């Protein structure tokens, strides 16, 4: 079983912690390139990052708390 699934069609993941059973759909952007003042992005278990979503640096997204 893969830890997470990324649809490679223009999706990007930078400086992030991705838990298991996470799906990142096409044209989504998670986090930002590591640098001064850039916080790590965390995507929790069983989360689906929908097509075209932008998850900024420093965000903590957790589907168990109702985040999408």
N, C-alpha and C. Protein backbone atom coordinates (compact mmCIF):
# COMPACT_ATOMS: atom_id res chain seq x y z
N UNK A 1 0.84 -1.18 0.00
CA UNK A 1 0.00 0.00 0.00
C UNK A 1 0.89 1.24 0.00
N UNK A 2 0.57 2.17 -0.89
CA UNK A 2 1.34 3.40 -0.94
C UNK A 2 1.01 4.27 0.27
N UNK A 3 2.01 4.99 0.70
CA UNK A 3 1.79 5.89 1.83
C UNK A 3 0.83 7.01 1.43
N UNK A 4 1.01 7.58 0.26
CA UNK A 4 0.08 8.58 -0.25
C UNK A 4 0.09 8.52 -1.76
N UNK A 5 -0.92 9.07 -2.37
CA UNK A 5 -1.07 9.03 -3.83
C UNK A 5 -1.10 10.46 -4.34
N UNK A 6 -0.25 10.72 -5.33
CA UNK A 6 -0.24 12.03 -5.96
C UNK A 6 -0.53 11.83 -7.43
N UNK A 7 -1.53 12.54 -7.94
CA UNK A 7 -1.77 12.55 -9.37
C UNK A 7 -0.75 13.52 -9.94
N UNK A 8 0.18 13.03 -10.75
CA UNK A 8 1.30 13.86 -11.18
C UNK A 8 0.94 14.98 -12.16
N UNK A 9 -0.29 15.05 -12.60
CA UNK A 9 -0.70 16.05 -13.56
C UNK A 9 -0.67 17.44 -12.93
N UNK A 10 0.49 18.07 -12.96
CA UNK A 10 0.70 19.43 -12.45
C UNK A 10 0.53 19.59 -10.94
N UNK A 11 0.55 18.52 -10.17
CA UNK A 11 0.49 18.63 -8.71
C UNK A 11 1.91 18.82 -8.16
N UNK A 12 2.03 19.65 -7.12
CA UNK A 12 3.33 19.84 -6.48
C UNK A 12 3.19 19.72 -4.97
N UNK A 13 4.22 19.15 -4.35
CA UNK A 13 4.29 19.05 -2.90
C UNK A 13 5.67 19.53 -2.49
N UNK A 14 5.71 20.54 -1.61
CA UNK A 14 6.97 21.09 -1.12
C UNK A 14 6.95 21.18 0.39
N UNK A 15 8.07 20.91 1.03
CA UNK A 15 8.30 21.09 2.46
C UNK A 15 7.06 20.75 3.28
N UNK A 16 6.68 19.46 3.23
CA UNK A 16 5.44 19.01 3.85
C UNK A 16 5.62 17.65 4.51
N UNK A 17 4.77 17.38 5.46
CA UNK A 17 4.64 16.04 6.04
C UNK A 17 3.29 15.52 5.57
N UNK A 18 3.31 14.38 4.90
CA UNK A 18 2.09 13.78 4.36
C UNK A 18 1.87 12.44 5.07
N UNK A 19 0.75 12.30 5.76
CA UNK A 19 0.43 11.07 6.47
C UNK A 19 -0.03 10.00 5.48
N UNK A 20 -0.38 8.82 5.99
CA UNK A 20 -0.81 7.72 5.13
C UNK A 20 -2.22 7.93 4.59
N UNK A 21 -2.52 7.27 3.50
CA UNK A 21 -3.84 7.29 2.86
C UNK A 21 -4.29 8.70 2.47
N UNK A 22 -3.35 9.50 2.01
CA UNK A 22 -3.65 10.85 1.53
C UNK A 22 -3.65 10.82 0.00
N UNK A 23 -4.60 11.52 -0.61
CA UNK A 23 -4.66 11.63 -2.06
C UNK A 23 -4.53 13.11 -2.42
N UNK A 24 -3.57 13.41 -3.29
CA UNK A 24 -3.38 14.77 -3.79
C UNK A 24 -3.75 14.73 -5.27
N UNK A 25 -4.82 15.43 -5.63
CA UNK A 25 -5.32 15.38 -7.01
C UNK A 25 -4.62 16.40 -7.91
N UNK A 26 -4.92 16.31 -9.20
CA UNK A 26 -4.23 17.11 -10.21
C UNK A 26 -4.33 18.61 -9.96
N UNK A 27 -3.28 19.28 -10.40
CA UNK A 27 -3.17 20.75 -10.33
C UNK A 27 -3.26 21.31 -8.92
N UNK A 28 -2.96 20.50 -7.92
CA UNK A 28 -2.95 20.95 -6.53
C UNK A 28 -1.53 21.34 -6.13
N UNK A 29 -1.45 22.26 -5.17
CA UNK A 29 -0.15 22.71 -4.68
C UNK A 29 -0.17 22.67 -3.16
N UNK A 30 0.76 21.91 -2.59
CA UNK A 30 0.84 21.73 -1.15
C UNK A 30 2.17 22.30 -0.66
N UNK A 31 2.11 23.25 0.26
CA UNK A 31 3.32 23.84 0.84
C UNK A 31 4.05 24.76 -0.12
N UNK A 32 5.23 25.21 0.34
CA UNK A 32 6.10 26.06 -0.45
C UNK A 32 7.53 25.56 -0.30
N UNK A 33 8.40 25.99 -1.18
CA UNK A 33 9.80 25.60 -1.10
C UNK A 33 10.37 26.04 0.25
N UNK A 34 11.21 25.19 0.84
CA UNK A 34 11.80 25.48 2.14
C UNK A 34 12.64 26.74 2.06
N UNK A 35 12.45 27.58 3.05
CA UNK A 35 13.21 28.83 3.11
C UNK A 35 12.93 29.54 4.41
N UNK A 36 13.61 30.65 4.63
CA UNK A 36 13.43 31.41 5.85
C UNK A 36 11.99 31.91 5.96
N UNK A 37 11.38 31.67 7.09
CA UNK A 37 10.01 32.11 7.33
C UNK A 37 8.94 31.21 6.73
N UNK A 38 9.33 30.08 6.15
CA UNK A 38 8.37 29.15 5.55
C UNK A 38 8.12 28.01 6.53
N UNK A 39 6.87 27.86 6.96
CA UNK A 39 6.51 26.79 7.88
C UNK A 39 6.18 25.51 7.13
N UNK A 40 6.38 24.38 7.79
CA UNK A 40 6.09 23.08 7.19
C UNK A 40 4.57 22.87 7.13
N UNK A 41 4.10 22.30 6.04
CA UNK A 41 2.68 21.99 5.86
C UNK A 41 2.44 20.55 6.26
N UNK A 42 1.37 20.28 6.98
CA UNK A 42 1.05 18.93 7.43
C UNK A 42 -0.31 18.53 6.89
N UNK A 43 -0.34 17.37 6.22
CA UNK A 43 -1.60 16.82 5.70
C UNK A 43 -1.86 15.51 6.44
N UNK A 44 -2.94 15.46 7.20
CA UNK A 44 -3.26 14.31 8.04
C UNK A 44 -3.87 13.14 7.28
N UNK A 45 -3.90 12.02 7.93
CA UNK A 45 -4.39 10.74 7.42
C UNK A 45 -5.78 10.86 6.80
N UNK A 46 -5.96 10.11 5.70
CA UNK A 46 -7.25 9.98 5.00
C UNK A 46 -7.77 11.28 4.39
N UNK A 47 -6.89 12.23 4.14
CA UNK A 47 -7.31 13.50 3.56
C UNK A 47 -7.23 13.43 2.04
N UNK A 48 -8.18 14.05 1.37
CA UNK A 48 -8.16 14.19 -0.09
C UNK A 48 -7.97 15.68 -0.39
N UNK A 49 -6.87 16.01 -1.05
CA UNK A 49 -6.63 17.37 -1.50
C UNK A 49 -7.23 17.44 -2.90
N UNK A 50 -8.32 18.16 -3.02
CA UNK A 50 -9.09 18.20 -4.27
C UNK A 50 -8.34 18.90 -5.40
N UNK A 51 -8.73 18.62 -6.61
CA UNK A 51 -8.13 19.21 -7.81
C UNK A 51 -8.09 20.73 -7.70
N UNK A 52 -6.93 21.29 -8.02
CA UNK A 52 -6.78 22.74 -8.03
C UNK A 52 -6.62 23.40 -6.67
N UNK A 53 -6.57 22.61 -5.61
CA UNK A 53 -6.43 23.18 -4.26
C UNK A 53 -5.04 23.77 -4.05
N UNK A 54 -4.97 24.79 -3.21
CA UNK A 54 -3.70 25.37 -2.79
C UNK A 54 -3.68 25.34 -1.27
N UNK A 55 -2.75 24.58 -0.72
CA UNK A 55 -2.59 24.49 0.73
C UNK A 55 -1.31 25.26 1.07
N UNK A 56 -1.44 26.44 1.69
CA UNK A 56 -0.27 27.29 1.95
C UNK A 56 0.69 26.68 2.97
N UNK A 57 1.89 27.24 3.02
CA UNK A 57 2.87 26.78 3.99
C UNK A 57 2.35 27.00 5.41
N UNK A 58 2.74 26.10 6.30
CA UNK A 58 2.38 26.23 7.70
C UNK A 58 0.99 25.73 8.07
N UNK A 59 0.21 25.26 7.10
CA UNK A 59 -1.14 24.78 7.39
C UNK A 59 -1.10 23.35 7.93
N UNK A 60 -2.06 23.02 8.78
CA UNK A 60 -2.23 21.67 9.31
C UNK A 60 -3.64 21.22 8.93
N UNK A 61 -3.73 20.34 7.93
CA UNK A 61 -5.02 19.87 7.42
C UNK A 61 -5.25 18.46 7.94
N UNK A 62 -6.37 18.25 8.62
CA UNK A 62 -6.66 16.95 9.22
C UNK A 62 -8.12 16.58 8.97
N UNK A 63 -8.36 15.57 8.14
CA UNK A 63 -9.72 15.18 7.79
C UNK A 63 -10.51 14.70 9.02
N UNK A 64 -9.84 14.19 10.04
CA UNK A 64 -10.52 13.73 11.25
C UNK A 64 -11.14 14.90 12.02
N UNK A 65 -10.61 16.12 11.80
CA UNK A 65 -11.16 17.31 12.45
C UNK A 65 -12.17 18.01 11.55
N UNK A 66 -12.44 17.43 10.38
CA UNK A 66 -13.40 18.03 9.47
C UNK A 66 -12.79 18.91 8.41
N UNK A 67 -11.44 19.04 8.40
CA UNK A 67 -10.78 19.80 7.36
C UNK A 67 -10.88 19.04 6.04
N UNK A 68 -10.85 19.75 4.93
CA UNK A 68 -10.88 19.11 3.62
C UNK A 68 -9.64 19.46 2.86
